[in-house]
């Protein structure tokens, strides 16, 4: 298993490096802009008054942008992180399907390495990659925050990173299952991306239409609100548990399916 695990790390390191670099640059730059938001909060509030409150809520902006929870949640965690998590989770989770299509999968499985250990190594690789990216995102906010005022509580930023990781894992788990079911990277990745887009739209529609608020319960984005975490330190235990349940469920089903999957189909 260690051989497969090291292979997975080598193959994913450049993806994690470049996505992590972009995440760090974006999160750091946005954080650096926060003092400007505070200094000109009245002007920003007037500008946002032009838009309906429901529309602002759909994009995670509920309250004043000078509030650290609103600022970080709307500009970094609800905008940057879902993109980062989706891209990395889908690419890594569907790699087994790409390896099957290219014939590369036959190489490791032709050795004494069991199927379950091979797939388990790829799953661990997914977890590590997403954990590194969550840490890089939070770390870049913290690093820039050392240069500006006011300070963001580092313990609350760490909690936000943990919940962000849980959301990323909830994407990776089911996508791994889709990759095993279809053994086609395009179909599995496309379906996973399509589901995420539909969830995002469902959450937006729920915010815009009072009669359709129930749609939010079907969206992963509804359970990814980090404003309370950053403002009060209240961790969304139930939401993280839901994300982890989805992730673990997807991986378990993927392992069971991969054990009996006809790789020639």
C-alpha atoms as a PDB file:
ATOM      1  CA  UNK A   1       0.000   0.000   0.000  1.00  0.00           C
ATOM      2  CA  UNK A   2       2.870   2.377   0.758  1.00  0.00           C
ATOM      3  CA  UNK A   3       4.125   2.047  -2.804  1.00  0.00           C
ATOM      4  CA  UNK A   4       0.723   3.009  -4.193  1.00  0.00           C
ATOM      5  CA  UNK A   5       0.466   5.814  -1.645  1.00  0.00           C
ATOM      6  CA  UNK A   6       3.850   7.283  -2.620  1.00  0.00           C
ATOM      7  CA  UNK A   7       2.872   7.028  -6.281  1.00  0.00           C
ATOM      8  CA  UNK A   8      -0.346   8.903  -5.559  1.00  0.00           C
ATOM      9  CA  UNK A   9       1.529  11.658  -3.744  1.00  0.00           C
ATOM     10  CA  UNK A  10       4.032  12.056  -6.579  1.00  0.00           C
ATOM     11  CA  UNK A  11       1.331  12.264  -9.204  1.00  0.00           C
ATOM     12  CA  UNK A  12      -0.714  14.802  -7.252  1.00  0.00           C
ATOM     13  CA  UNK A  13       2.021  17.077  -5.970  1.00  0.00           C
ATOM     14  CA  UNK A  14       2.111  19.487  -8.922  1.00  0.00           C
ATOM     15  CA  UNK A  15      -1.663  19.857  -8.915  1.00  0.00           C
ATOM     16  CA  UNK A  16      -1.613  20.630  -5.196  1.00  0.00           C
ATOM     17  CA  UNK A  17       1.339  22.995  -5.629  1.00  0.00           C
ATOM     18  CA  UNK A  18      -0.197  25.144  -8.355  1.00  0.00           C
ATOM     19  CA  UNK A  19      -3.715  25.183  -6.921  1.00  0.00           C
ATOM     20  CA  UNK A  20      -2.242  25.920  -3.501  1.00  0.00           C
ATOM     21  CA  UNK A  21      -0.166  28.763  -4.904  1.00  0.00           C
ATOM     22  CA  UNK A  22      -3.181  30.335  -6.598  1.00  0.00           C
ATOM     23  CA  UNK A  23      -5.269  29.892  -3.451  1.00  0.00           C
ATOM     24  CA  UNK A  24      -2.581  31.490  -1.285  1.00  0.00           C
ATOM     25  CA  UNK A  25      -2.185  34.457  -3.633  1.00  0.00           C
ATOM     26  CA  UNK A  26      -5.924  35.060  -3.907  1.00  0.00           C
ATOM     27  CA  UNK A  27      -6.701  34.594  -0.204  1.00  0.00           C
ATOM     28  CA  UNK A  28      -3.721  36.710   0.790  1.00  0.00           C
ATOM     29  CA  UNK A  29      -4.610  39.535  -1.582  1.00  0.00           C
ATOM     30  CA  UNK A  30      -8.243  39.598  -0.482  1.00  0.00           C
ATOM     31  CA  UNK A  31      -7.201  39.629   3.178  1.00  0.00           C
ATOM     32  CA  UNK A  32      -4.830  42.517   2.485  1.00  0.00           C
ATOM     33  CA  UNK A  33      -7.828  44.445   1.164  1.00  0.00           C
ATOM     34  CA  UNK A  34      -9.760  44.133   4.452  1.00  0.00           C
ATOM     35  CA  UNK A  35      -8.499  47.375   6.087  1.00  0.00           C
ATOM     36  CA  UNK A  36      -9.721  49.275   3.021  1.00  0.00           C
ATOM     37  CA  UNK A  37     -13.153  47.715   3.493  1.00  0.00           C
ATOM     38  CA  UNK A  38     -13.229  48.905   7.109  1.00  0.00           C
ATOM     39  CA  UNK A  39     -12.060  52.428   6.268  1.00  0.00           C
ATOM     40  CA  UNK A  40     -14.667  52.800   3.544  1.00  0.00           C
ATOM     41  CA  UNK A  41     -17.410  50.652   5.054  1.00  0.00           C
ATOM     42  CA  UNK A  42     -20.061  53.379   4.716  1.00  0.00           C
ATOM     43  CA  UNK A  43     -19.396  53.738   0.996  1.00  0.00           C
ATOM     44  CA  UNK A  44     -19.489  49.986   0.464  1.00  0.00           C
ATOM     45  CA  UNK A  45     -22.768  49.720   2.376  1.00  0.00           C
ATOM     46  CA  UNK A  46     -24.349  52.369   0.148  1.00  0.00           C
ATOM     47  CA  UNK A  47     -23.107  50.567  -2.934  1.00  0.00           C
ATOM     48  CA  UNK A  48     -24.581  47.257  -1.796  1.00  0.00           C
ATOM     49  CA  UNK A  49     -27.941  48.858  -0.998  1.00  0.00           C
ATOM     50  CA  UNK A  50     -28.551  48.989  -4.743  1.00  0.00           C
ATOM     51  CA  UNK A  51     -28.923  45.206  -4.806  1.00  0.00           C
ATOM     52  CA  UNK A  52     -31.776  43.249  -3.184  1.00  0.00           C
ATOM     53  CA  UNK A  53     -30.926  41.700   0.170  1.00  0.00           C
ATOM     54  CA  UNK A  54     -32.064  38.306  -1.106  1.00  0.00           C
ATOM     55  CA  UNK A  55     -29.544  38.504  -3.932  1.00  0.00           C
ATOM     56  CA  UNK A  56     -26.742  39.420  -1.539  1.00  0.00           C
ATOM     57  CA  UNK A  57     -27.748  36.562   0.753  1.00  0.00           C
ATOM     58  CA  UNK A  58     -27.563  34.175  -2.192  1.00  0.00           C
ATOM     59  CA  UNK A  59     -23.877  35.046  -2.505  1.00  0.00           C
ATOM     60  CA  UNK A  60     -23.203  34.790   1.221  1.00  0.00           C
ATOM     61  CA  UNK A  61     -23.238  38.519   1.953  1.00  0.00           C
ATOM     62  CA  UNK A  62     -25.519  38.920   4.969  1.00  0.00           C
ATOM     63  CA  UNK A  63     -24.577  41.906   7.086  1.00  0.00           C
ATOM     64  CA  UNK A  64     -21.768  44.422   6.823  1.00  0.00           C
ATOM     65  CA  UNK A  65     -18.614  43.640   4.840  1.00  0.00           C
ATOM     66  CA  UNK A  66     -16.631  45.218   7.662  1.00  0.00           C
ATOM     67  CA  UNK A  67     -17.664  42.230   9.773  1.00  0.00           C
ATOM     68  CA  UNK A  68     -14.770  39.718   9.552  1.00  0.00           C
ATOM     69  CA  UNK A  69     -17.135  36.754   9.286  1.00  0.00           C
ATOM     70  CA  UNK A  70     -19.086  38.268   6.405  1.00  0.00           C
ATOM     71  CA  UNK A  71     -15.922  39.391   4.639  1.00  0.00           C
ATOM     72  CA  UNK A  72     -13.965  36.143   4.837  1.00  0.00           C
ATOM     73  CA  UNK A  73     -17.000  33.943   4.326  1.00  0.00           C
ATOM     74  CA  UNK A  74     -18.253  35.698   1.202  1.00  0.00           C
ATOM     75  CA  UNK A  75     -14.977  36.591  -0.526  1.00  0.00           C
ATOM     76  CA  UNK A  76     -12.807  33.596   0.340  1.00  0.00           C
ATOM     77  CA  UNK A  77     -14.570  30.598   1.824  1.00  0.00           C
ATOM     78  CA  UNK A  78     -17.797  30.635  -0.189  1.00  0.00           C
ATOM     79  CA  UNK A  79     -16.156  31.804  -3.405  1.00  0.00           C
ATOM     80  CA  UNK A  80     -12.607  30.435  -3.509  1.00  0.00           C
ATOM     81  CA  UNK A  81     -12.817  27.226  -1.500  1.00  0.00           C
ATOM     82  CA  UNK A  82     -15.689  25.475  -3.325  1.00  0.00           C
ATOM     83  CA  UNK A  83     -13.826  26.002  -6.608  1.00  0.00           C
ATOM     84  CA  UNK A  84     -10.543  24.729  -5.181  1.00  0.00           C
ATOM     85  CA  UNK A  85     -12.154  21.755  -3.464  1.00  0.00           C
ATOM     86  CA  UNK A  86     -14.222  20.787  -6.502  1.00  0.00           C
ATOM     87  CA  UNK A  87     -11.319  20.990  -8.956  1.00  0.00           C
ATOM     88  CA  UNK A  88      -8.870  19.027  -6.826  1.00  0.00           C
ATOM     89  CA  UNK A  89     -11.385  16.492  -5.505  1.00  0.00           C
ATOM     90  CA  UNK A  90     -12.773  15.705  -8.955  1.00  0.00           C
ATOM     91  CA  UNK A  91      -9.342  15.424 -10.605  1.00  0.00           C
ATOM     92  CA  UNK A  92      -7.918  13.164  -7.894  1.00  0.00           C
ATOM     93  CA  UNK A  93     -11.062  11.100  -7.321  1.00  0.00           C
ATOM     94  CA  UNK A  94     -11.487  10.312 -11.024  1.00  0.00           C
ATOM     95  CA  UNK A  95      -7.836   9.368 -11.563  1.00  0.00           C
ATOM     96  CA  UNK A  96      -8.619   5.687 -11.081  1.00  0.00           C
ATOM     97  CA  UNK A  97     -11.067   5.910 -13.998  1.00  0.00           C
ATOM     98  CA  UNK A  98      -8.456   7.632 -16.158  1.00  0.00           C
ATOM     99  CA  UNK A  99      -5.894   4.965 -15.231  1.00  0.00           C
ATOM    100  CA  UNK A 100      -8.356   2.247 -16.198  1.00  0.00           C
ATOM    101  CA  UNK A 101      -9.047   3.840 -19.565  1.00  0.00           C
ATOM    102  CA  UNK A 102      -5.339   4.291 -20.333  1.00  0.00           C
ATOM    103  CA  UNK A 103      -4.416   0.799 -19.173  1.00  0.00           C
ATOM    104  CA  UNK A 104      -2.118   2.121 -16.443  1.00  0.00           C
ATOM    105  CA  UNK A 105      -4.288   0.545 -13.762  1.00  0.00           C
ATOM    106  CA  UNK A 106      -3.258  -2.913 -14.938  1.00  0.00           C
ATOM    107  CA  UNK A 107       0.342  -2.214 -13.913  1.00  0.00           C
ATOM    108  CA  UNK A 108      -0.084  -1.828 -10.135  1.00  0.00           C
ATOM    109  CA  UNK A 109      -2.858  -4.417  -9.988  1.00  0.00           C
ATOM    110  CA  UNK A 110      -0.695  -6.947 -11.830  1.00  0.00           C
ATOM    111  CA  UNK A 111       1.522  -7.060  -8.743  1.00  0.00           C
ATOM    112  CA  UNK A 112       0.548  -8.527  -5.370  1.00  0.00           C
ATOM    113  CA  UNK A 113      -1.120  -5.241  -4.405  1.00  0.00           C
ATOM    114  CA  UNK A 114      -4.810  -5.909  -3.617  1.00  0.00           C
ATOM    115  CA  UNK A 115      -7.441  -3.704  -5.203  1.00  0.00           C
ATOM    116  CA  UNK A 116      -8.722  -2.385  -1.898  1.00  0.00           C
ATOM    117  CA  UNK A 117      -5.275  -1.269  -0.795  1.00  0.00           C
ATOM    118  CA  UNK A 118      -4.676   0.476  -4.112  1.00  0.00           C
ATOM    119  CA  UNK A 119      -7.930   2.418  -3.919  1.00  0.00           C
ATOM    120  CA  UNK A 120      -7.399   3.100  -0.215  1.00  0.00           C
ATOM    121  CA  UNK A 121      -4.061   4.707  -1.070  1.00  0.00           C
ATOM    122  CA  UNK A 122      -5.749   6.994  -3.585  1.00  0.00           C
ATOM    123  CA  UNK A 123      -8.371   7.951  -1.000  1.00  0.00           C
ATOM    124  CA  UNK A 124      -5.691   8.830   1.549  1.00  0.00           C
ATOM    125  CA  UNK A 125      -4.032  10.891  -1.158  1.00  0.00           C
ATOM    126  CA  UNK A 126      -7.265  12.810  -1.681  1.00  0.00           C
ATOM    127  CA  UNK A 127      -7.547  13.540   2.035  1.00  0.00           C
ATOM    128  CA  UNK A 128      -3.967  14.760   2.310  1.00  0.00           C
ATOM    129  CA  UNK A 129      -4.238  16.964  -0.784  1.00  0.00           C
ATOM    130  CA  UNK A 130      -7.412  18.663   0.423  1.00  0.00           C
ATOM    131  CA  UNK A 131      -6.011  19.032   3.948  1.00  0.00           C
ATOM    132  CA  UNK A 132      -2.890  20.727   2.585  1.00  0.00           C
ATOM    133  CA  UNK A 133      -4.953  23.120   0.470  1.00  0.00           C
ATOM    134  CA  UNK A 134      -7.239  23.985   3.390  1.00  0.00           C
ATOM    135  CA  UNK A 135      -4.179  24.667   5.537  1.00  0.00           C
ATOM    136  CA  UNK A 136      -2.590  26.789   2.800  1.00  0.00           C
ATOM    137  CA  UNK A 137      -5.762  28.851   2.397  1.00  0.00           C
ATOM    138  CA  UNK A 138      -6.123  29.491   6.122  1.00  0.00           C
ATOM    139  CA  UNK A 139      -2.379  29.971   6.511  1.00  0.00           C
ATOM    140  CA  UNK A 140      -2.246  32.659   3.833  1.00  0.00           C
ATOM    141  CA  UNK A 141      -5.054  34.567   5.570  1.00  0.00           C
ATOM    142  CA  UNK A 142      -3.218  34.314   8.879  1.00  0.00           C
ATOM    143  CA  UNK A 143       0.134  35.329   7.367  1.00  0.00           C
ATOM    144  CA  UNK A 144      -1.262  38.480   5.765  1.00  0.00           C
ATOM    145  CA  UNK A 145      -3.284  39.206   8.890  1.00  0.00           C
ATOM    146  CA  UNK A 146       0.018  39.612  10.756  1.00  0.00           C
ATOM    147  CA  UNK A 147       0.633  42.697   8.623  1.00  0.00           C
ATOM    148  CA  UNK A 148      -2.751  44.361   9.037  1.00  0.00           C
ATOM    149  CA  UNK A 149      -5.259  45.332  11.702  1.00  0.00           C
ATOM    150  CA  UNK A 150      -7.591  44.217  13.150  1.00  0.00           C
ATOM    151  CA  UNK A 151      -6.507  40.654  13.796  1.00  0.00           C
ATOM    152  CA  UNK A 152      -8.541  37.604  12.856  1.00  0.00           C
ATOM    153  CA  UNK A 153      -8.685  34.994  15.667  1.00  0.00           C
ATOM    154  CA  UNK A 154      -6.354  32.218  14.553  1.00  0.00           C
ATOM    155  CA  UNK A 155      -8.301  29.549  16.443  1.00  0.00           C
ATOM    156  CA  UNK A 156     -11.476  30.462  14.566  1.00  0.00           C
ATOM    157  CA  UNK A 157      -9.623  30.469  11.261  1.00  0.00           C
ATOM    158  CA  UNK A 158      -8.380  26.969  12.086  1.00  0.00           C
ATOM    159  CA  UNK A 159     -11.953  25.824  12.753  1.00  0.00           C
ATOM    160  CA  UNK A 160     -13.001  27.339   9.437  1.00  0.00           C
ATOM    161  CA  UNK A 161     -10.246  25.341   7.770  1.00  0.00           C
ATOM    162  CA  UNK A 162     -11.473  22.111   9.369  1.00  0.00           C
ATOM    163  CA  UNK A 163     -15.016  22.663   8.127  1.00  0.00           C
ATOM    164  CA  UNK A 164     -13.686  23.586   4.686  1.00  0.00           C
ATOM    165  CA  UNK A 165     -11.782  20.310   4.609  1.00  0.00           C
ATOM    166  CA  UNK A 166     -14.954  18.422   5.541  1.00  0.00           C
ATOM    167  CA  UNK A 167     -16.783  19.993   2.610  1.00  0.00           C
ATOM    168  CA  UNK A 168     -13.979  19.062   0.218  1.00  0.00           C
ATOM    169  CA  UNK A 169     -14.041  15.476   1.418  1.00  0.00           C
ATOM    170  CA  UNK A 170     -17.803  15.365   0.843  1.00  0.00           C
ATOM    171  CA  UNK A 171     -17.064  16.085  -2.821  1.00  0.00           C
ATOM    172  CA  UNK A 172     -14.239  13.566  -3.084  1.00  0.00           C
ATOM    173  CA  UNK A 173     -16.092  10.598  -1.575  1.00  0.00           C
ATOM    174  CA  UNK A 174     -19.088  10.421  -3.930  1.00  0.00           C
ATOM    175  CA  UNK A 175     -16.894  11.359  -6.915  1.00  0.00           C
ATOM    176  CA  UNK A 176     -14.675   8.360  -6.177  1.00  0.00           C
ATOM    177  CA  UNK A 177     -17.772   6.170  -6.258  1.00  0.00           C
ATOM    178  CA  UNK A 178     -18.847   7.659  -9.601  1.00  0.00           C
ATOM    179  CA  UNK A 179     -15.370   7.012 -10.995  1.00  0.00           C
ATOM    180  CA  UNK A 180     -15.596   3.329 -10.026  1.00  0.00           C
ATOM    181  CA  UNK A 181     -19.136   2.952 -11.351  1.00  0.00           C
ATOM    182  CA  UNK A 182     -18.439   4.507 -14.758  1.00  0.00           C
ATOM    183  CA  UNK A 183     -14.685   3.896 -15.135  1.00  0.00           C
ATOM    184  CA  UNK A 184     -14.859   6.981 -17.320  1.00  0.00           C
ATOM    185  CA  UNK A 185     -13.237  10.165 -16.075  1.00  0.00           C
ATOM    186  CA  UNK A 186     -15.293  12.443 -18.304  1.00  0.00           C
ATOM    187  CA  UNK A 187     -18.639  10.990 -17.268  1.00  0.00           C
ATOM    188  CA  UNK A 188     -17.795  10.740 -13.570  1.00  0.00           C
ATOM    189  CA  UNK A 189     -16.203  14.174 -13.350  1.00  0.00           C
ATOM    190  CA  UNK A 190     -18.904  15.773 -15.481  1.00  0.00           C
ATOM    191  CA  UNK A 191     -21.678  14.291 -13.367  1.00  0.00           C
ATOM    192  CA  UNK A 192     -19.988  15.364 -10.131  1.00  0.00           C
ATOM    193  CA  UNK A 193     -19.486  18.901 -11.437  1.00  0.00           C
ATOM    194  CA  UNK A 194     -23.054  19.017 -12.721  1.00  0.00           C
ATOM    195  CA  UNK A 195     -24.440  17.978  -9.343  1.00  0.00           C
ATOM    196  CA  UNK A 196     -22.400  20.707  -7.630  1.00  0.00           C
ATOM    197  CA  UNK A 197     -23.679  23.331 -10.069  1.00  0.00           C
ATOM    198  CA  UNK A 198     -27.255  22.194  -9.489  1.00  0.00           C
ATOM    199  CA  UNK A 199     -26.719  22.372  -5.726  1.00  0.00           C
ATOM    200  CA  UNK A 200     -25.315  25.886  -6.021  1.00  0.00           C
ATOM    201  CA  UNK A 201     -28.277  27.028  -8.113  1.00  0.00           C
ATOM    202  CA  UNK A 202     -30.697  25.376  -5.676  1.00  0.00           C
ATOM    203  CA  UNK A 203     -29.154  27.346  -2.827  1.00  0.00           C
ATOM    204  CA  UNK A 204     -29.360  30.603  -4.791  1.00  0.00           C
ATOM    205  CA  UNK A 205     -32.990  30.000  -5.767  1.00  0.00           C
ATOM    206  CA  UNK A 206     -33.861  29.186  -2.143  1.00  0.00           C
ATOM    207  CA  UNK A 207     -32.469  32.553  -1.068  1.00  0.00           C
ATOM    208  CA  UNK A 208     -34.313  34.443  -3.796  1.00  0.00           C
ATOM    209  CA  UNK A 209     -37.705  32.747  -3.494  1.00  0.00           C
ATOM    210  CA  UNK A 210     -39.431  32.407  -0.084  1.00  0.00           C
ATOM    211  CA  UNK A 211     -41.651  29.645  -1.485  1.00  0.00           C
ATOM    212  CA  UNK A 212     -38.660  27.512  -2.411  1.00  0.00           C
ATOM    213  CA  UNK A 213     -36.552  27.785   0.737  1.00  0.00           C
ATOM    214  CA  UNK A 214     -36.754  23.992   1.116  1.00  0.00           C
ATOM    215  CA  UNK A 215     -34.407  23.662  -1.855  1.00  0.00           C
ATOM    216  CA  UNK A 216     -31.549  24.868   0.332  1.00  0.00           C
ATOM    217  CA  UNK A 217     -31.728  21.638   2.334  1.00  0.00           C
ATOM    218  CA  UNK A 218     -30.710  19.747  -0.820  1.00  0.00           C
ATOM    219  CA  UNK A 219     -27.593  21.848  -1.366  1.00  0.00           C
ATOM    220  CA  UNK A 220     -24.172  21.264   0.153  1.00  0.00           C
ATOM    221  CA  UNK A 221     -23.615  25.027   0.058  1.00  0.00           C
ATOM    222  CA  UNK A 222     -26.431  25.493   2.575  1.00  0.00           C
ATOM    223  CA  UNK A 223     -24.302  23.674   5.147  1.00  0.00           C
ATOM    224  CA  UNK A 224     -21.162  25.669   4.377  1.00  0.00           C
ATOM    225  CA  UNK A 225     -21.607  28.967   6.206  1.00  0.00           C
ATOM    226  CA  UNK A 226     -18.466  29.989   8.059  1.00  0.00           C
ATOM    227  CA  UNK A 227     -19.653  33.386   9.281  1.00  0.00           C
ATOM    228  CA  UNK A 228     -20.675  32.092  12.758  1.00  0.00           C
ATOM    229  CA  UNK A 229     -17.383  30.213  13.062  1.00  0.00           C
ATOM    230  CA  UNK A 230     -15.278  33.306  12.391  1.00  0.00           C
ATOM    231  CA  UNK A 231     -17.446  35.754  14.346  1.00  0.00           C
ATOM    232  CA  UNK A 232     -18.289  33.720  17.426  1.00  0.00           C
ATOM    233  CA  UNK A 233     -16.211  30.539  17.260  1.00  0.00           C
ATOM    234  CA  UNK A 234     -19.359  28.406  17.038  1.00  0.00           C
ATOM    235  CA  UNK A 235     -18.363  25.302  15.120  1.00  0.00           C
ATOM    236  CA  UNK A 236     -21.032  23.671  12.872  1.00  0.00           C
ATOM    237  CA  UNK A 237     -20.599  20.181  14.278  1.00  0.00           C
ATOM    238  CA  UNK A 238     -23.752  18.783  12.672  1.00  0.00           C
ATOM    239  CA  UNK A 239     -22.847  20.177   9.248  1.00  0.00           C
ATOM    240  CA  UNK A 240     -19.305  18.795   9.427  1.00  0.00           C
ATOM    241  CA  UNK A 241     -20.683  15.438  10.546  1.00  0.00           C
ATOM    242  CA  UNK A 242     -23.003  15.428   7.533  1.00  0.00           C
ATOM    243  CA  UNK A 243     -20.117  16.203   5.176  1.00  0.00           C
ATOM    244  CA  UNK A 244     -17.976  13.461   6.692  1.00  0.00           C
ATOM    245  CA  UNK A 245     -20.834  10.962   6.535  1.00  0.00           C
ATOM    246  CA  UNK A 246     -21.275  11.666   2.827  1.00  0.00           C
ATOM    247  CA  UNK A 247     -17.520  11.372   2.228  1.00  0.00           C
ATOM    248  CA  UNK A 248     -17.059   8.145   4.169  1.00  0.00           C
ATOM    249  CA  UNK A 249     -20.210   6.647   2.676  1.00  0.00           C
ATOM    250  CA  UNK A 250     -18.996   7.401  -0.832  1.00  0.00           C
ATOM    251  CA  UNK A 251     -15.572   5.891  -0.186  1.00  0.00           C
ATOM    252  CA  UNK A 252     -16.966   2.734   1.441  1.00  0.00           C
ATOM    253  CA  UNK A 253     -19.317   2.135  -1.467  1.00  0.00           C
ATOM    254  CA  UNK A 254     -16.471   2.823  -3.895  1.00  0.00           C
ATOM    255  CA  UNK A 255     -14.253   0.259  -2.163  1.00  0.00           C
ATOM    256  CA  UNK A 256     -17.021  -2.335  -2.215  1.00  0.00           C
ATOM    257  CA  UNK A 257     -17.766  -1.663  -5.880  1.00  0.00           C
ATOM    258  CA  UNK A 258     -14.087  -1.670  -6.894  1.00  0.00           C
ATOM    259  CA  UNK A 259     -13.580  -5.037  -5.261  1.00  0.00           C
ATOM    260  CA  UNK A 260     -15.960  -6.687  -7.737  1.00  0.00           C
ATOM    261  CA  UNK A 261     -15.724  -4.250 -10.657  1.00  0.00           C
ATOM    262  CA  UNK A 262     -14.953  -5.739 -14.058  1.00  0.00           C
ATOM    263  CA  UNK A 263     -12.141  -3.433 -15.196  1.00  0.00           C
ATOM    264  CA  UNK A 264     -12.513  -4.623 -18.788  1.00  0.00           C
ATOM    265  CA  UNK A 265     -16.109  -3.348 -19.020  1.00  0.00           C
END
